[in-house]
PDB file of N, CA and C in Angstrom:
ATOM      1  N   MET A   1     -14.605 -19.969 -15.836  1.00  0.00           N
ATOM      2  CA  MET A   1     -13.154 -19.841 -15.765  1.00  0.00           C
ATOM      3  C   MET A   1     -12.552 -20.632 -16.930  1.00  0.00           C
ATOM      4  N   SER A   2     -11.534 -20.084 -17.545  1.00  0.00           N
ATOM      5  CA  SER A   2     -10.925 -20.726 -18.704  1.00  0.00           C
ATOM      6  C   SER A   2     -10.048 -21.904 -18.289  1.00  0.00           C
ATOM      7  N   ASP A   3      -9.788 -22.783 -19.243  1.00  0.00           N
ATOM      8  CA  ASP A   3      -8.908 -23.929 -18.989  1.00  0.00           C
ATOM      9  C   ASP A   3      -7.507 -23.460 -18.616  1.00  0.00           C
ATOM     10  N   ILE A   4      -7.048 -22.372 -19.227  1.00  0.00           N
ATOM     11  CA  ILE A   4      -5.716 -21.845 -18.928  1.00  0.00           C
ATOM     12  C   ILE A   4      -5.652 -21.386 -17.484  1.00  0.00           C
ATOM     13  N   ILE A   5      -6.659 -20.681 -17.013  1.00  0.00           N
ATOM     14  CA  ILE A   5      -6.691 -20.221 -15.626  1.00  0.00           C
ATOM     15  C   ILE A   5      -6.768 -21.417 -14.677  1.00  0.00           C
ATOM     16  N   ASN A   6      -7.629 -22.395 -14.983  1.00  0.00           N
ATOM     17  CA  ASN A   6      -7.737 -23.593 -14.137  1.00  0.00           C
ATOM     18  C   ASN A   6      -6.400 -24.302 -13.999  1.00  0.00           C
ATOM     19  N   GLU A   7      -5.713 -24.491 -15.114  1.00  0.00           N
ATOM     20  CA  GLU A   7      -4.418 -25.184 -15.099  1.00  0.00           C
ATOM     21  C   GLU A   7      -3.381 -24.368 -14.334  1.00  0.00           C
ATOM     22  N   ALA A   8      -3.380 -23.056 -14.532  1.00  0.00           N
ATOM     23  CA  ALA A   8      -2.428 -22.200 -13.828  1.00  0.00           C
ATOM     24  C   ALA A   8      -2.661 -22.233 -12.323  1.00  0.00           C
ATOM     25  N   VAL A   9      -3.918 -22.205 -11.894  1.00  0.00           N
ATOM     26  CA  VAL A   9      -4.230 -22.277 -10.464  1.00  0.00           C
ATOM     27  C   VAL A   9      -3.720 -23.598  -9.893  1.00  0.00           C
ATOM     28  N   THR A  10      -3.932 -24.688 -10.611  1.00  0.00           N
ATOM     29  CA  THR A  10      -3.470 -26.006 -10.160  1.00  0.00           C
ATOM     30  C   THR A  10      -1.941 -26.036 -10.035  1.00  0.00           C
ATOM     31  N   GLN A  11      -1.236 -25.568 -11.062  1.00  0.00           N
ATOM     32  CA  GLN A  11       0.228 -25.584 -11.039  1.00  0.00           C
ATOM     33  C   GLN A  11       0.793 -24.664  -9.963  1.00  0.00           C
ATOM     34  N   LEU A  12       0.254 -23.457  -9.861  1.00  0.00           N
ATOM     35  CA  LEU A  12       0.747 -22.519  -8.853  1.00  0.00           C
ATOM     36  C   LEU A  12       0.470 -23.025  -7.441  1.00  0.00           C
ATOM     37  N   SER A  13      -0.695 -23.623  -7.228  1.00  0.00           N
ATOM     38  CA  SER A  13      -1.027 -24.160  -5.908  1.00  0.00           C
ATOM     39  C   SER A  13      -0.041 -25.240  -5.485  1.00  0.00           C
ATOM     40  N   ALA A  14       0.346 -26.078  -6.437  1.00  0.00           N
ATOM     41  CA  ALA A  14       1.301 -27.146  -6.132  1.00  0.00           C
ATOM     42  C   ALA A  14       2.688 -26.590  -5.822  1.00  0.00           C
ATOM     43  N   LYS A  15       3.063 -25.493  -6.472  1.00  0.00           N
ATOM     44  CA  LYS A  15       4.400 -24.923  -6.286  1.00  0.00           C
ATOM     45  C   LYS A  15       4.482 -23.970  -5.100  1.00  0.00           C
ATOM     46  N   ILE A  16       3.405 -23.234  -4.827  1.00  0.00           N
ATOM     47  CA  ILE A  16       3.471 -22.158  -3.854  1.00  0.00           C
ATOM     48  C   ILE A  16       2.645 -22.437  -2.606  1.00  0.00           C
ATOM     49  N   GLY A  17       1.406 -22.843  -2.792  1.00  0.00           N
ATOM     50  CA  GLY A  17       0.514 -22.975  -1.646  1.00  0.00           C
ATOM     51  C   GLY A  17       0.058 -21.601  -1.212  1.00  0.00           C
ATOM     52  N   THR A  18       0.578 -21.102  -0.091  1.00  0.00           N
ATOM     53  CA  THR A  18       0.239 -19.753   0.348  1.00  0.00           C
ATOM     54  C   THR A  18       1.449 -18.845   0.164  1.00  0.00           C
ATOM     55  N   PHE A  19       1.186 -17.558   0.233  1.00  0.00           N
ATOM     56  CA  PHE A  19       2.223 -16.580  -0.045  1.00  0.00           C
ATOM     57  C   PHE A  19       2.039 -15.399   0.896  1.00  0.00           C
ATOM     58  N   ASP A  20       3.110 -14.983   1.530  1.00  0.00           N
ATOM     59  CA  ASP A  20       3.069 -13.854   2.449  1.00  0.00           C
ATOM     60  C   ASP A  20       3.211 -12.557   1.657  1.00  0.00           C
ATOM     61  N   GLY A  21       2.143 -12.140   1.037  1.00  0.00           N
ATOM     62  CA  GLY A  21       2.110 -10.960   0.192  1.00  0.00           C
ATOM     63  C   GLY A  21       0.894 -11.054  -0.704  1.00  0.00           C
ATOM     64  N   SER A  22       0.857 -10.264  -1.765  1.00  0.00           N
ATOM     65  CA  SER A  22      -0.255 -10.367  -2.710  1.00  0.00           C
ATOM     66  C   SER A  22       0.217 -10.023  -4.118  1.00  0.00           C
ATOM     67  N   VAL A  23      -0.034 -10.969  -5.009  1.00  0.00           N
ATOM     68  CA  VAL A  23       0.331 -10.817  -6.416  1.00  0.00           C
ATOM     69  C   VAL A  23      -0.859 -11.261  -7.256  1.00  0.00           C
ATOM     70  N   LYS A  24      -1.102 -10.518  -8.320  1.00  0.00           N
ATOM     71  CA  LYS A  24      -2.156 -10.899  -9.262  1.00  0.00           C
ATOM     72  C   LYS A  24      -1.508 -11.135 -10.618  1.00  0.00           C
ATOM     73  N   PHE A  25      -1.852 -12.253 -11.249  1.00  0.00           N
ATOM     74  CA  PHE A  25      -1.439 -12.540 -12.621  1.00  0.00           C
ATOM     75  C   PHE A  25      -2.617 -12.251 -13.528  1.00  0.00           C
ATOM     76  N   VAL A  26      -2.387 -11.467 -14.564  1.00  0.00           N
ATOM     77  CA  VAL A  26      -3.432 -11.165 -15.533  1.00  0.00           C
ATOM     78  C   VAL A  26      -3.025 -11.783 -16.864  1.00  0.00           C
ATOM     79  N   ILE A  27      -3.929 -12.600 -17.415  1.00  0.00           N
ATOM     80  CA  ILE A  27      -3.726 -13.193 -18.731  1.00  0.00           C
ATOM     81  C   ILE A  27      -4.836 -12.634 -19.617  1.00  0.00           C
ATOM     82  N   PRO A  28      -4.498 -11.663 -20.469  1.00  0.00           N
ATOM     83  CA  PRO A  28      -5.525 -11.009 -21.288  1.00  0.00           C
ATOM     84  C   PRO A  28      -6.368 -12.016 -22.072  1.00  0.00           C
ATOM     85  N   GLY A  29      -7.679 -11.810 -22.017  1.00  0.00           N
ATOM     86  CA  GLY A  29      -8.604 -12.688 -22.729  1.00  0.00           C
ATOM     87  C   GLY A  29      -8.935 -13.965 -21.990  1.00  0.00           C
ATOM     88  N   GLU A  30      -8.246 -14.226 -20.863  1.00  0.00           N
ATOM     89  CA  GLU A  30      -8.466 -15.460 -20.108  1.00  0.00           C
ATOM     90  C   GLU A  30      -8.977 -15.192 -18.694  1.00  0.00           C
ATOM     91  N   GLY A  31      -8.373 -14.227 -18.000  1.00  0.00           N
ATOM     92  CA  GLY A  31      -8.778 -13.928 -16.636  1.00  0.00           C
ATOM     93  C   GLY A  31      -7.592 -13.588 -15.763  1.00  0.00           C
ATOM     94  N   SER A  32      -7.805 -13.667 -14.447  1.00  0.00           N
ATOM     95  CA  SER A  32      -6.782 -13.285 -13.479  1.00  0.00           C
ATOM     96  C   SER A  32      -6.668 -14.334 -12.378  1.00  0.00           C
ATOM     97  N   ILE A  33      -5.476 -14.401 -11.804  1.00  0.00           N
ATOM     98  CA  ILE A  33      -5.178 -15.334 -10.721  1.00  0.00           C
ATOM     99  C   ILE A  33      -4.609 -14.538  -9.563  1.00  0.00           C
ATOM    100  N   MET A  34      -5.121 -14.789  -8.376  1.00  0.00           N
ATOM    101  CA  MET A  34      -4.622 -14.158  -7.157  1.00  0.00           C
ATOM    102  C   MET A  34      -3.741 -15.139  -6.396  1.00  0.00           C
ATOM    103  N   VAL A  35      -2.630 -14.623  -5.860  1.00  0.00           N
ATOM    104  CA  VAL A  35      -1.757 -15.407  -4.989  1.00  0.00           C
ATOM    105  C   VAL A  35      -1.537 -14.553  -3.743  1.00  0.00           C
ATOM    106  N   ASP A  36      -1.976 -15.065  -2.584  1.00  0.00           N
ATOM    107  CA  ASP A  36      -1.818 -14.322  -1.340  1.00  0.00           C
ATOM    108  C   ASP A  36      -1.899 -15.267  -0.149  1.00  0.00           C
ATOM    109  N   GLU A  37      -2.115 -14.702   1.041  1.00  0.00           N
ATOM    110  CA  GLU A  37      -2.155 -15.503   2.261  1.00  0.00           C
ATOM    111  C   GLU A  37      -3.250 -16.569   2.217  1.00  0.00           C
ATOM    112  N   ALA A  38      -4.309 -16.318   1.459  1.00  0.00           N
ATOM    113  CA  ALA A  38      -5.416 -17.266   1.347  1.00  0.00           C
ATOM    114  C   ALA A  38      -5.116 -18.393   0.361  1.00  0.00           C
ATOM    115  N   GLY A  39      -4.024 -18.308  -0.372  1.00  0.00           N
ATOM    116  CA  GLY A  39      -3.653 -19.341  -1.327  1.00  0.00           C
ATOM    117  C   GLY A  39      -3.688 -18.829  -2.755  1.00  0.00           C
ATOM    118  N   VAL A  40      -3.916 -19.746  -3.687  1.00  0.00           N
ATOM    119  CA  VAL A  40      -3.950 -19.434  -5.121  1.00  0.00           C
ATOM    120  C   VAL A  40      -5.368 -19.695  -5.605  1.00  0.00           C
ATOM    121  N   ARG A  41      -5.931 -18.721  -6.331  1.00  0.00           N
ATOM    122  CA  ARG A  41      -7.292 -18.872  -6.807  1.00  0.00           C
ATOM    123  C   ARG A  41      -7.530 -17.939  -7.995  1.00  0.00           C
ATOM    124  N   GLU A  42      -8.589 -18.216  -8.720  1.00  0.00           N
ATOM    125  CA  GLU A  42      -9.033 -17.293  -9.757  1.00  0.00           C
ATOM    126  C   GLU A  42      -9.600 -16.084  -9.028  1.00  0.00           C
ATOM    127  N   GLY A  43      -9.232 -14.883  -9.455  1.00  0.00           N
ATOM    128  CA  GLY A  43      -9.751 -13.691  -8.801  1.00  0.00           C
ATOM    129  C   GLY A  43      -9.156 -12.434  -9.409  1.00  0.00           C
ATOM    130  N   ASP A  44      -9.792 -11.313  -9.083  1.00  0.00           N
ATOM    131  CA  ASP A  44      -9.361 -10.046  -9.656  1.00  0.00           C
ATOM    132  C   ASP A  44      -9.372  -8.945  -8.603  1.00  0.00           C
ATOM    133  N   GLU A  45      -8.922  -9.276  -7.386  1.00  0.00           N
ATOM    134  CA  GLU A  45      -8.862  -8.276  -6.327  1.00  0.00           C
ATOM    135  C   GLU A  45      -7.613  -7.410  -6.499  1.00  0.00           C
ATOM    136  N   ASP A  46      -7.559  -6.340  -5.710  1.00  0.00           N
ATOM    137  CA  ASP A  46      -6.359  -5.509  -5.690  1.00  0.00           C
ATOM    138  C   ASP A  46      -5.201  -6.314  -5.115  1.00  0.00           C
ATOM    139  N   ALA A  47      -3.991  -6.057  -5.609  1.00  0.00           N
ATOM    140  CA  ALA A  47      -2.787  -6.743  -5.134  1.00  0.00           C
ATOM    141  C   ALA A  47      -1.637  -5.746  -5.097  1.00  0.00           C
ATOM    142  N   ALA A  48      -0.629  -6.049  -4.287  1.00  0.00           N
ATOM    143  CA  ALA A  48       0.549  -5.185  -4.203  1.00  0.00           C
ATOM    144  C   ALA A  48       1.311  -5.168  -5.524  1.00  0.00           C
ATOM    145  N   CYS A  49       1.223  -6.267  -6.268  1.00  0.00           N
ATOM    146  CA  CYS A  49       1.941  -6.403  -7.538  1.00  0.00           C
ATOM    147  C   CYS A  49       1.033  -7.085  -8.551  1.00  0.00           C
ATOM    148  N   THR A  50       0.994  -6.550  -9.762  1.00  0.00           N
ATOM    149  CA  THR A  50       0.229  -7.167 -10.844  1.00  0.00           C
ATOM    150  C   THR A  50       1.181  -7.492 -11.983  1.00  0.00           C
ATOM    151  N   MET A  51       1.169  -8.749 -12.397  1.00  0.00           N
ATOM    152  CA  MET A  51       1.990  -9.188 -13.521  1.00  0.00           C
ATOM    153  C   MET A  51       1.064  -9.576 -14.672  1.00  0.00           C
ATOM    154  N   THR A  52       1.381  -9.092 -15.864  1.00  0.00           N
ATOM    155  CA  THR A  52       0.550  -9.333 -17.036  1.00  0.00           C
ATOM    156  C   THR A  52       1.391  -9.987 -18.130  1.00  0.00           C
ATOM    157  N   ALA A  53       0.870 -11.080 -18.676  1.00  0.00           N
ATOM    158  CA  ALA A  53       1.557 -11.778 -19.769  1.00  0.00           C
ATOM    159  C   ALA A  53       0.523 -12.530 -20.603  1.00  0.00           C
ATOM    160  N   GLU A  54       0.831 -12.713 -21.867  1.00  0.00           N
ATOM    161  CA  GLU A  54      -0.015 -13.533 -22.726  1.00  0.00           C
ATOM    162  C   GLU A  54       0.022 -14.980 -22.236  1.00  0.00           C
ATOM    163  N   ALA A  55      -0.970 -15.749 -22.616  1.00  0.00           N
ATOM    164  CA  ALA A  55      -1.113 -17.122 -22.148  1.00  0.00           C
ATOM    165  C   ALA A  55       0.132 -17.967 -22.434  1.00  0.00           C
ATOM    166  N   ASP A  56       0.702 -17.853 -23.635  1.00  0.00           N
ATOM    167  CA  ASP A  56       1.879 -18.662 -23.992  1.00  0.00           C
ATOM    168  C   ASP A  56       3.077 -18.331 -23.103  1.00  0.00           C
ATOM    169  N   THR A  57       3.281 -17.047 -22.837  1.00  0.00           N
ATOM    170  CA  THR A  57       4.400 -16.632 -21.976  1.00  0.00           C
ATOM    171  C   THR A  57       4.188 -17.139 -20.560  1.00  0.00           C
ATOM    172  N   PHE A  58       2.979 -16.969 -20.048  1.00  0.00           N
ATOM    173  CA  PHE A  58       2.676 -17.395 -18.693  1.00  0.00           C
ATOM    174  C   PHE A  58       2.852 -18.906 -18.549  1.00  0.00           C
ATOM    175  N   LYS A  59       2.352 -19.658 -19.511  1.00  0.00           N
ATOM    176  CA  LYS A  59       2.498 -21.120 -19.477  1.00  0.00           C
ATOM    177  C   LYS A  59       3.979 -21.508 -19.528  1.00  0.00           C
ATOM    178  N   GLY A  60       4.746 -20.824 -20.353  1.00  0.00           N
ATOM    179  CA  GLY A  60       6.178 -21.104 -20.437  1.00  0.00           C
ATOM    180  C   GLY A  60       6.899 -20.847 -19.126  1.00  0.00           C
ATOM    181  N   ILE A  61       6.508 -19.781 -18.428  1.00  0.00           N
ATOM    182  CA  ILE A  61       7.112 -19.490 -17.129  1.00  0.00           C
ATOM    183  C   ILE A  61       6.772 -20.599 -16.139  1.00  0.00           C
ATOM    184  N   LEU A  62       5.507 -21.016 -16.103  1.00  0.00           N
ATOM    185  CA  LEU A  62       5.091 -22.079 -15.182  1.00  0.00           C
ATOM    186  C   LEU A  62       5.772 -23.406 -15.491  1.00  0.00           C
ATOM    187  N   ASP A  63       5.943 -23.703 -16.776  1.00  0.00           N
ATOM    188  CA  ASP A  63       6.557 -24.968 -17.184  1.00  0.00           C
ATOM    189  C   ASP A  63       8.077 -24.955 -17.063  1.00  0.00           C
ATOM    190  N   GLY A  64       8.663 -23.770 -16.865  1.00  0.00           N
ATOM    191  CA  GLY A  64      10.109 -23.661 -16.775  1.00  0.00           C
ATOM    192  C   GLY A  64      10.790 -23.483 -18.119  1.00  0.00           C
ATOM    193  N   ASP A  65      10.000 -23.324 -19.177  1.00  0.00           N
ATOM    194  CA  ASP A  65      10.558 -23.136 -20.516  1.00  0.00           C
ATOM    195  C   ASP A  65      10.924 -21.682 -20.799  1.00  0.00           C
ATOM    196  N   VAL A  66      10.333 -20.748 -20.042  1.00  0.00           N
ATOM    197  CA  VAL A  66      10.580 -19.321 -20.225  1.00  0.00           C
ATOM    198  C   VAL A  66      11.090 -18.759 -18.903  1.00  0.00           C
ATOM    199  N   ASN A  67      12.199 -18.055 -18.956  1.00  0.00           N
ATOM    200  CA  ASN A  67      12.754 -17.408 -17.776  1.00  0.00           C
ATOM    201  C   ASN A  67      11.971 -16.116 -17.524  1.00  0.00           C
ATOM    202  N   ALA A  68      11.421 -15.980 -16.305  1.00  0.00           N
ATOM    203  CA  ALA A  68      10.588 -14.815 -15.986  1.00  0.00           C
ATOM    204  C   ALA A  68      11.363 -13.505 -16.121  1.00  0.00           C
ATOM    205  N   THR A  69      12.622 -13.493 -15.712  1.00  0.00           N
ATOM    206  CA  THR A  69      13.433 -12.280 -15.819  1.00  0.00           C
ATOM    207  C   THR A  69      13.630 -11.902 -17.287  1.00  0.00           C
ATOM    208  N   SER A  70      13.919 -12.881 -18.123  1.00  0.00           N
ATOM    209  CA  SER A  70      14.077 -12.623 -19.556  1.00  0.00           C
ATOM    210  C   SER A  70      12.774 -12.138 -20.171  1.00  0.00           C
ATOM    211  N   ALA A  71      11.653 -12.737 -19.744  1.00  0.00           N
ATOM    212  CA  ALA A  71      10.352 -12.319 -20.257  1.00  0.00           C
ATOM    213  C   ALA A  71      10.077 -10.868 -19.867  1.00  0.00           C
ATOM    214  N   PHE A  72      10.443 -10.492 -18.644  1.00  0.00           N
ATOM    215  CA  PHE A  72      10.264  -9.114 -18.195  1.00  0.00           C
ATOM    216  C   PHE A  72      11.146  -8.165 -19.001  1.00  0.00           C
ATOM    217  N   MET A  73      12.413  -8.526 -19.156  1.00  0.00           N
ATOM    218  CA  MET A  73      13.355  -7.658 -19.866  1.00  0.00           C
ATOM    219  C   MET A  73      12.975  -7.472 -21.336  1.00  0.00           C
ATOM    220  N   SER A  74      12.343  -8.479 -21.932  1.00  0.00           N
ATOM    221  CA  SER A  74      11.956  -8.395 -23.342  1.00  0.00           C
ATOM    222  C   SER A  74      10.560  -7.813 -23.534  1.00  0.00           C
ATOM    223  N   GLY A  75       9.888  -7.486 -22.448  1.00  0.00           N
ATOM    224  CA  GLY A  75       8.566  -6.891 -22.539  1.00  0.00           C
ATOM    225  C   GLY A  75       7.425  -7.881 -22.640  1.00  0.00           C
ATOM    226  N   GLN A  76       7.715  -9.171 -22.572  1.00  0.00           N
ATOM    227  CA  GLN A  76       6.663 -10.184 -22.634  1.00  0.00           C
ATOM    228  C   GLN A  76       5.907 -10.287 -21.314  1.00  0.00           C
ATOM    229  N   LEU A  77       6.549  -9.892 -20.225  1.00  0.00           N
ATOM    230  CA  LEU A  77       5.938  -9.901 -18.895  1.00  0.00           C
ATOM    231  C   LEU A  77       5.998  -8.485 -18.349  1.00  0.00           C
ATOM    232  N   LYS A  78       4.848  -7.930 -18.032  1.00  0.00           N
ATOM    233  CA  LYS A  78       4.780  -6.581 -17.480  1.00  0.00           C
ATOM    234  C   LYS A  78       4.525  -6.683 -15.977  1.00  0.00           C
ATOM    235  N   VAL A  79       5.225  -5.870 -15.195  1.00  0.00           N
ATOM    236  CA  VAL A  79       5.070  -5.869 -13.748  1.00  0.00           C
ATOM    237  C   VAL A  79       4.702  -4.460 -13.303  1.00  0.00           C
ATOM    238  N   ASP A  80       3.589  -4.346 -12.599  1.00  0.00           N
ATOM    239  CA  ASP A  80       3.137  -3.074 -12.050  1.00  0.00           C
ATOM    240  C   ASP A  80       3.045  -3.210 -10.538  1.00  0.00           C
ATOM    241  N   GLY A  81       3.537  -2.206  -9.825  1.00  0.00           N
ATOM    242  CA  GLY A  81       3.454  -2.232  -8.370  1.00  0.00           C
ATOM    243  C   GLY A  81       4.765  -2.647  -7.741  1.00  0.00           C
ATOM    244  N   ASP A  82       4.673  -3.371  -6.651  1.00  0.00           N
ATOM    245  CA  ASP A  82       5.809  -3.739  -5.809  1.00  0.00           C
ATOM    246  C   ASP A  82       6.661  -4.846  -6.461  1.00  0.00           C
ATOM    247  N   MET A  83       7.772  -4.442  -7.066  1.00  0.00           N
ATOM    248  CA  MET A  83       8.668  -5.401  -7.726  1.00  0.00           C
ATOM    249  C   MET A  83       9.213  -6.424  -6.731  1.00  0.00           C
ATOM    250  N   GLY A  84       9.372  -6.034  -5.477  1.00  0.00           N
ATOM    251  CA  GLY A  84       9.849  -6.957  -4.443  1.00  0.00           C
ATOM    252  C   GLY A  84       8.920  -8.155  -4.283  1.00  0.00           C
ATOM    253  N   GLN A  85       7.614  -7.919  -4.396  1.00  0.00           N
ATOM    254  CA  GLN A  85       6.643  -9.022  -4.308  1.00  0.00           C
ATOM    255  C   GLN A  85       6.839  -9.986  -5.480  1.00  0.00           C
ATOM    256  N   ALA A  86       7.089  -9.440  -6.665  1.00  0.00           N
ATOM    257  CA  ALA A  86       7.301 -10.296  -7.849  1.00  0.00           C
ATOM    258  C   ALA A  86       8.550 -11.146  -7.658  1.00  0.00           C
ATOM    259  N   MET A  87       9.612 -10.548  -7.158  1.00  0.00           N
ATOM    260  CA  MET A  87      10.859 -11.302  -6.962  1.00  0.00           C
ATOM    261  C   MET A  87      10.688 -12.352  -5.876  1.00  0.00           C
ATOM    262  N   LYS A  88       9.979 -12.016  -4.814  1.00  0.00           N
ATOM    263  CA  LYS A  88       9.719 -12.960  -3.723  1.00  0.00           C
ATOM    264  C   LYS A  88       8.934 -14.165  -4.226  1.00  0.00           C
ATOM    265  N   LEU A  89       7.915 -13.915  -5.049  1.00  0.00           N
ATOM    266  CA  LEU A  89       7.136 -15.002  -5.598  1.00  0.00           C
ATOM    267  C   LEU A  89       7.959 -15.817  -6.588  1.00  0.00           C
ATOM    268  N   GLY A  90       8.755 -15.130  -7.402  1.00  0.00           N
ATOM    269  CA  GLY A  90       9.601 -15.830  -8.380  1.00  0.00           C
ATOM    270  C   GLY A  90      10.554 -16.812  -7.717  1.00  0.00           C
ATOM    271  N   ALA A  91      11.010 -16.497  -6.527  1.00  0.00           N
ATOM    272  CA  ALA A  91      11.913 -17.384  -5.800  1.00  0.00           C
ATOM    273  C   ALA A  91      11.232 -18.682  -5.394  1.00  0.00           C
ATOM    274  N   GLN A  92       9.894 -18.672  -5.319  1.00  0.00           N
ATOM    275  CA  GLN A  92       9.144 -19.867  -4.938  1.00  0.00           C
ATOM    276  C   GLN A  92       8.753 -20.731  -6.131  1.00  0.00           C
ATOM    277  N   LEU A  93       8.901 -20.191  -7.329  1.00  0.00           N
ATOM    278  CA  LEU A  93       8.484 -20.959  -8.513  1.00  0.00           C
ATOM    279  C   LEU A  93       9.536 -21.912  -8.987  1.00  0.00           C
TER     280      LEU A  93
END
């Protein structure tokens, strides 16, 4: 597992813990993170919503330096599947 994925799992776990739904974050070249009822972990299972962003964008969103909505509108963050799940998770970040 990459350092970026490890750090993201740590940060997301501290902010979210568990989540009533399923979202997968994909960071090309680094790996994937699952957020669901079981918690936050490295993984690549099916999810209701998949969000894809480069490592810098994803780190900026986690750090609060990048607004997720702005990243989505500018094409830096791609969302596939249930947009409601993405918004629900965004409210917890």
